[in-house]
Amino acid sequence: MAYKISDGCINCGACEGECPAEAISEVDSKRSIAEDKCVSCGSCASVCPVEAISEA
């Protein structure tokens, strides 16, 4: 199951550098996870300072 970034995202970018699948990018001043690339490892969620990332 892919991970999802909620509206609580502060666009800090911490998650993007942690993603081994390069599934996270900035879209309209917000981070977004490409569901087709996400490998559900949870690396992004573990570094999010505001806990805005969870399993979809």
N, C-alpha and C. Protein backbone atom coordinates (compact mmCIF):
# COMPACT_ATOMS: atom_id res chain seq x y z
N MET A 1 0.85 -1.17 0.00
CA MET A 1 0.00 0.00 0.00
C MET A 1 0.90 1.24 0.00
N ALA A 2 0.62 2.16 -0.89
CA ALA A 2 1.42 3.38 -1.02
C ALA A 2 1.17 4.33 0.15
N TYR A 3 2.13 5.19 0.38
CA TYR A 3 2.00 6.21 1.42
C TYR A 3 1.41 7.47 0.81
N LYS A 4 0.86 8.32 1.66
CA LYS A 4 0.18 9.53 1.22
C LYS A 4 0.61 10.69 2.13
N ILE A 5 0.73 11.88 1.55
CA ILE A 5 1.08 13.07 2.31
C ILE A 5 -0.17 13.90 2.52
N SER A 6 -0.46 14.22 3.77
CA SER A 6 -1.68 14.97 4.10
C SER A 6 -1.48 16.48 3.93
N ASP A 7 -2.55 17.22 4.12
CA ASP A 7 -2.51 18.68 4.03
C ASP A 7 -1.67 19.29 5.15
N GLY A 8 -1.29 18.51 6.14
CA GLY A 8 -0.46 18.99 7.23
C GLY A 8 1.01 19.18 6.83
N CYS A 9 1.34 18.81 5.61
CA CYS A 9 2.71 18.92 5.10
C CYS A 9 3.17 20.38 5.11
N ILE A 10 4.39 20.60 5.64
CA ILE A 10 4.94 21.96 5.68
C ILE A 10 5.98 22.16 4.57
N ASN A 11 6.07 21.21 3.66
CA ASN A 11 6.95 21.29 2.48
C ASN A 11 8.42 21.49 2.85
N CYS A 12 8.87 20.80 3.88
CA CYS A 12 10.26 20.95 4.33
C CYS A 12 11.24 20.18 3.44
N GLY A 13 10.76 19.13 2.77
CA GLY A 13 11.60 18.36 1.87
C GLY A 13 12.36 17.21 2.51
N ALA A 14 12.21 17.01 3.80
CA ALA A 14 12.94 15.94 4.48
C ALA A 14 12.63 14.57 3.88
N CYS A 15 11.40 14.36 3.50
CA CYS A 15 10.96 13.07 2.99
C CYS A 15 11.55 12.74 1.61
N GLU A 16 11.67 13.75 0.79
CA GLU A 16 12.12 13.53 -0.59
C GLU A 16 13.50 12.89 -0.65
N GLY A 17 14.41 13.36 0.17
CA GLY A 17 15.76 12.81 0.20
C GLY A 17 15.85 11.41 0.77
N GLU A 18 14.87 11.01 1.54
CA GLU A 18 14.87 9.68 2.16
C GLU A 18 14.26 8.60 1.28
N CYS A 19 13.53 8.97 0.26
CA CYS A 19 12.80 8.00 -0.56
C CYS A 19 13.74 7.25 -1.51
N PRO A 20 13.93 5.92 -1.30
CA PRO A 20 14.82 5.15 -2.16
C PRO A 20 14.27 4.95 -3.57
N ALA A 21 12.97 5.12 -3.73
CA ALA A 21 12.33 4.92 -5.04
C ALA A 21 12.17 6.22 -5.82
N GLU A 22 12.60 7.32 -5.22
CA GLU A 22 12.45 8.65 -5.84
C GLU A 22 11.00 8.91 -6.25
N ALA A 23 10.08 8.55 -5.35
CA ALA A 23 8.65 8.69 -5.62
C ALA A 23 8.08 10.02 -5.15
N ILE A 24 8.88 10.82 -4.45
CA ILE A 24 8.39 12.07 -3.88
C ILE A 24 8.92 13.26 -4.68
N SER A 25 8.02 14.18 -5.01
CA SER A 25 8.41 15.38 -5.72
C SER A 25 7.56 16.54 -5.24
N GLU A 26 7.98 17.75 -5.63
CA GLU A 26 7.23 18.94 -5.25
C GLU A 26 6.25 19.28 -6.36
N VAL A 27 4.97 19.42 -5.99
CA VAL A 27 3.92 19.76 -6.94
C VAL A 27 3.09 20.89 -6.33
N ASP A 28 3.03 22.02 -6.99
CA ASP A 28 2.26 23.17 -6.50
C ASP A 28 2.64 23.55 -5.06
N SER A 29 3.93 23.68 -4.80
CA SER A 29 4.46 24.07 -3.48
C SER A 29 4.11 23.09 -2.36
N LYS A 30 3.92 21.82 -2.71
CA LYS A 30 3.62 20.74 -1.76
C LYS A 30 4.34 19.49 -2.21
N ARG A 31 4.68 18.63 -1.29
CA ARG A 31 5.29 17.36 -1.64
C ARG A 31 4.19 16.36 -1.99
N SER A 32 4.48 15.51 -2.95
CA SER A 32 3.50 14.52 -3.40
C SER A 32 4.22 13.20 -3.64
N ILE A 33 3.53 12.10 -3.36
CA ILE A 33 4.10 10.77 -3.56
C ILE A 33 3.41 10.12 -4.76
N ALA A 34 4.20 9.69 -5.74
CA ALA A 34 3.68 9.00 -6.91
C ALA A 34 3.35 7.56 -6.49
N GLU A 35 2.08 7.25 -6.48
CA GLU A 35 1.63 5.93 -6.01
C GLU A 35 2.25 4.78 -6.81
N ASP A 36 2.47 4.99 -8.10
CA ASP A 36 3.02 3.93 -8.94
C ASP A 36 4.51 3.68 -8.68
N LYS A 37 5.19 4.62 -8.04
CA LYS A 37 6.61 4.46 -7.72
C LYS A 37 6.85 4.06 -6.27
N CYS A 38 5.93 4.38 -5.38
CA CYS A 38 6.09 4.13 -3.95
C CYS A 38 6.23 2.62 -3.67
N VAL A 39 7.26 2.27 -2.89
CA VAL A 39 7.50 0.86 -2.55
C VAL A 39 7.05 0.54 -1.13
N SER A 40 6.35 1.47 -0.49
CA SER A 40 5.76 1.28 0.84
C SER A 40 6.78 0.93 1.92
N CYS A 41 7.95 1.54 1.85
CA CYS A 41 8.99 1.22 2.84
C CYS A 41 8.83 2.02 4.13
N GLY A 42 8.18 3.19 4.06
CA GLY A 42 7.96 3.99 5.25
C GLY A 42 9.10 4.92 5.63
N SER A 43 10.16 4.96 4.82
CA SER A 43 11.29 5.84 5.12
C SER A 43 10.86 7.30 5.21
N CYS A 44 9.98 7.70 4.34
CA CYS A 44 9.51 9.10 4.32
C CYS A 44 8.76 9.44 5.60
N ALA A 45 7.89 8.56 6.02
CA ALA A 45 7.08 8.80 7.22
C ALA A 45 7.95 8.90 8.47
N SER A 46 9.02 8.14 8.50
CA SER A 46 9.87 8.14 9.69
C SER A 46 10.65 9.43 9.88
N VAL A 47 10.83 10.22 8.84
CA VAL A 47 11.58 11.48 8.96
C VAL A 47 10.71 12.72 8.94
N CYS A 48 9.41 12.56 8.73
CA CYS A 48 8.51 13.73 8.65
C CYS A 48 8.38 14.38 10.03
N PRO A 49 8.77 15.67 10.14
CA PRO A 49 8.74 16.34 11.44
C PRO A 49 7.32 16.66 11.94
N VAL A 50 6.33 16.63 11.05
CA VAL A 50 4.96 16.96 11.47
C VAL A 50 4.01 15.77 11.32
N GLU A 51 4.58 14.59 11.08
CA GLU A 51 3.79 13.35 10.93
C GLU A 51 2.66 13.50 9.91
N ALA A 52 2.99 14.09 8.76
CA ALA A 52 2.00 14.31 7.70
C ALA A 52 1.95 13.17 6.68
N ILE A 53 2.73 12.12 6.90
CA ILE A 53 2.77 11.01 5.95
C ILE A 53 2.27 9.74 6.63
N SER A 54 1.36 9.06 5.94
CA SER A 54 0.81 7.81 6.47
C SER A 54 0.46 6.88 5.32
N GLU A 55 0.17 5.63 5.66
CA GLU A 55 -0.26 4.69 4.64
C GLU A 55 -1.62 5.11 4.10
N ALA A 56 -1.76 5.02 2.80
CA ALA A 56 -3.02 5.43 2.14
C ALA A 56 -4.11 4.41 2.40
